Amino acid sequence: MTNVESVEKETRLSLFLFGKPAWEIEDLEGDVDFKTLEEIGAMGKELHERLQWVAKVAKELLNHGWDAYGTLYDIEFYKTISVESAKKELRELGLDPEEMNLEEEELEDDGDDSGA
């Protein structure tokens, strides 16, 4: 008789918040002119829309059993679910999995099943 181990999988989902200003605004480093100032204003509008979207998605994920952890530039979500099941769940919530970074990890079994 063989032991069949079931491997639990965890999916991590990352939502980018915002980065350093020089990452977000082209030609920010150096001389600042009126074009640069217009780009700063446009970035404000873009950040508003992005963060509103992140907040909406985050609420949906938390309401559906995902756990969250804030990092320097992102919010990381995780749930014990396969990446394929996560994609299906996201689609059912009206979210596009292609807009998110999804990674699957096998969870290690910390229990001692030796029976000794």
Protein backbone atom coordinates (compact mmCIF):
# COMPACT_ATOMS: atom_id res chain seq x y z
CA MET A 1 0.00 0.00 0.00
CA THR A 2 1.40 3.42 -0.93
CA ASN A 3 0.92 6.67 0.91
CA VAL A 4 -0.75 9.28 -1.26
CA GLU A 5 0.10 12.72 -0.03
CA SER A 6 -2.17 15.56 -0.93
CA VAL A 7 -0.22 18.73 -1.49
CA GLU A 8 -1.93 21.96 -0.57
CA LYS A 9 -1.30 24.88 -2.85
CA GLU A 10 -1.28 28.53 -1.99
CA THR A 11 -1.78 31.27 -4.51
CA ARG A 12 -0.27 34.69 -3.98
CA LEU A 13 -1.67 37.68 -5.77
CA SER A 14 0.11 41.01 -5.92
CA LEU A 15 -1.51 44.40 -6.55
CA PHE A 16 0.91 47.23 -7.31
CA LEU A 17 0.15 50.50 -5.49
CA PHE A 18 2.73 52.98 -6.72
CA GLY A 19 6.46 53.35 -7.04
CA LYS A 20 9.05 56.03 -6.68
CA PRO A 21 8.16 59.29 -8.48
CA ALA A 22 11.01 58.85 -10.99
CA TRP A 23 9.59 55.41 -11.88
CA GLU A 24 6.12 56.82 -12.40
CA ILE A 25 6.89 60.13 -14.13
CA GLU A 26 9.00 60.13 -17.26
CA ASP A 27 11.90 62.60 -17.29
CA LEU A 28 11.28 63.70 -13.68
CA GLU A 29 14.95 63.63 -12.79
CA GLY A 30 16.70 66.73 -14.11
CA ASP A 31 15.34 70.07 -15.20
CA VAL A 32 11.65 70.61 -14.45
CA ASP A 33 9.60 72.46 -17.04
CA PHE A 34 5.90 72.96 -17.73
CA LYS A 35 5.70 69.58 -19.52
CA THR A 36 7.06 67.87 -16.39
CA LEU A 37 4.51 69.70 -14.24
CA GLU A 38 1.70 68.55 -16.54
CA GLU A 39 2.97 64.97 -16.23
CA ILE A 40 2.92 65.32 -12.43
CA GLY A 41 -0.71 66.46 -12.56
CA ALA A 42 -1.62 63.62 -14.91
CA MET A 43 0.10 61.16 -12.59
CA GLY A 44 -2.10 62.39 -9.75
CA LYS A 45 -5.21 61.46 -11.74
CA GLU A 46 -3.71 58.09 -12.71
CA LEU A 47 -2.76 57.30 -9.10
CA HIS A 48 -6.27 58.18 -7.95
CA GLU A 49 -7.83 55.79 -10.47
CA ARG A 50 -5.28 53.05 -9.73
CA LEU A 51 -5.70 53.23 -5.95
CA GLN A 52 -9.50 53.30 -6.23
CA TRP A 53 -9.28 50.13 -8.35
CA VAL A 54 -6.89 48.48 -5.86
CA ALA A 55 -9.24 49.32 -2.97
CA LYS A 56 -12.21 47.83 -4.85
CA VAL A 57 -10.34 44.64 -5.73
CA ALA A 58 -8.88 44.33 -2.21
CA LYS A 59 -12.34 44.53 -0.63
CA GLU A 60 -13.59 41.77 -2.95
CA LEU A 61 -10.62 39.55 -2.13
CA LEU A 62 -10.91 40.07 1.63
CA ASN A 63 -14.66 39.36 1.45
CA HIS A 64 -13.87 36.05 -0.28
CA GLY A 65 -11.37 34.68 2.19
CA TRP A 66 -8.06 36.04 0.96
CA ASP A 67 -5.54 37.29 3.51
CA ALA A 68 -3.53 40.43 2.82
CA TYR A 69 -0.14 41.85 3.72
CA GLY A 70 1.18 45.29 2.80
CA THR A 71 4.66 45.64 1.34
CA LEU A 72 6.71 48.62 0.19
CA TYR A 73 5.05 48.98 -3.23
CA ASP A 74 2.27 46.36 -3.26
CA ILE A 75 -0.43 44.60 -1.33
CA GLU A 76 0.15 40.85 -1.36
CA PHE A 77 -2.87 38.57 -1.02
CA TYR A 78 -2.74 34.85 -0.37
CA LYS A 79 -5.18 31.98 -0.13
CA THR A 80 -4.89 28.20 0.05
CA ILE A 81 -6.17 27.58 -3.45
CA SER A 82 -4.61 26.54 -6.76
CA VAL A 83 -3.78 29.24 -9.28
CA GLU A 84 -6.37 27.81 -11.69
CA SER A 85 -9.06 27.94 -8.99
CA ALA A 86 -7.94 31.47 -8.12
CA LYS A 87 -8.31 32.56 -11.75
CA LYS A 88 -11.79 31.04 -11.87
CA GLU A 89 -12.75 32.80 -8.62
CA LEU A 90 -11.45 36.12 -9.91
CA ARG A 91 -13.46 35.79 -13.12
CA GLU A 92 -16.58 34.96 -11.08
CA LEU A 93 -15.98 38.19 -9.12
CA GLY A 94 -15.82 40.13 -12.39
CA LEU A 95 -12.05 40.62 -12.15
CA ASP A 96 -9.52 39.94 -14.88
CA PRO A 97 -6.76 37.61 -13.62
CA GLU A 98 -4.51 38.90 -16.41
CA GLU A 99 -4.40 42.30 -14.66
CA MET A 100 -2.81 40.72 -11.60
CA ASN A 101 0.40 38.92 -10.78
CA LEU A 102 -0.52 35.39 -9.60
CA GLU A 103 1.96 32.83 -8.31
CA GLU A 104 1.32 29.34 -6.95
CA GLU A 105 3.36 27.68 -4.23
CA GLU A 106 3.16 24.21 -2.75
CA LEU A 107 2.75 24.35 1.02
CA GLU A 108 5.07 22.19 3.03
CA ASP A 109 3.51 19.77 5.48
CA ASP A 110 4.85 20.62 8.93
CA GLY A 111 2.99 17.76 10.60
CA ASP A 112 4.63 14.50 11.62
CA ASP A 113 2.67 11.73 9.92
CA SER A 114 5.15 8.99 10.77
CA GLY A 115 2.81 7.36 13.28
CA ALA A 116 5.69 6.82 15.69
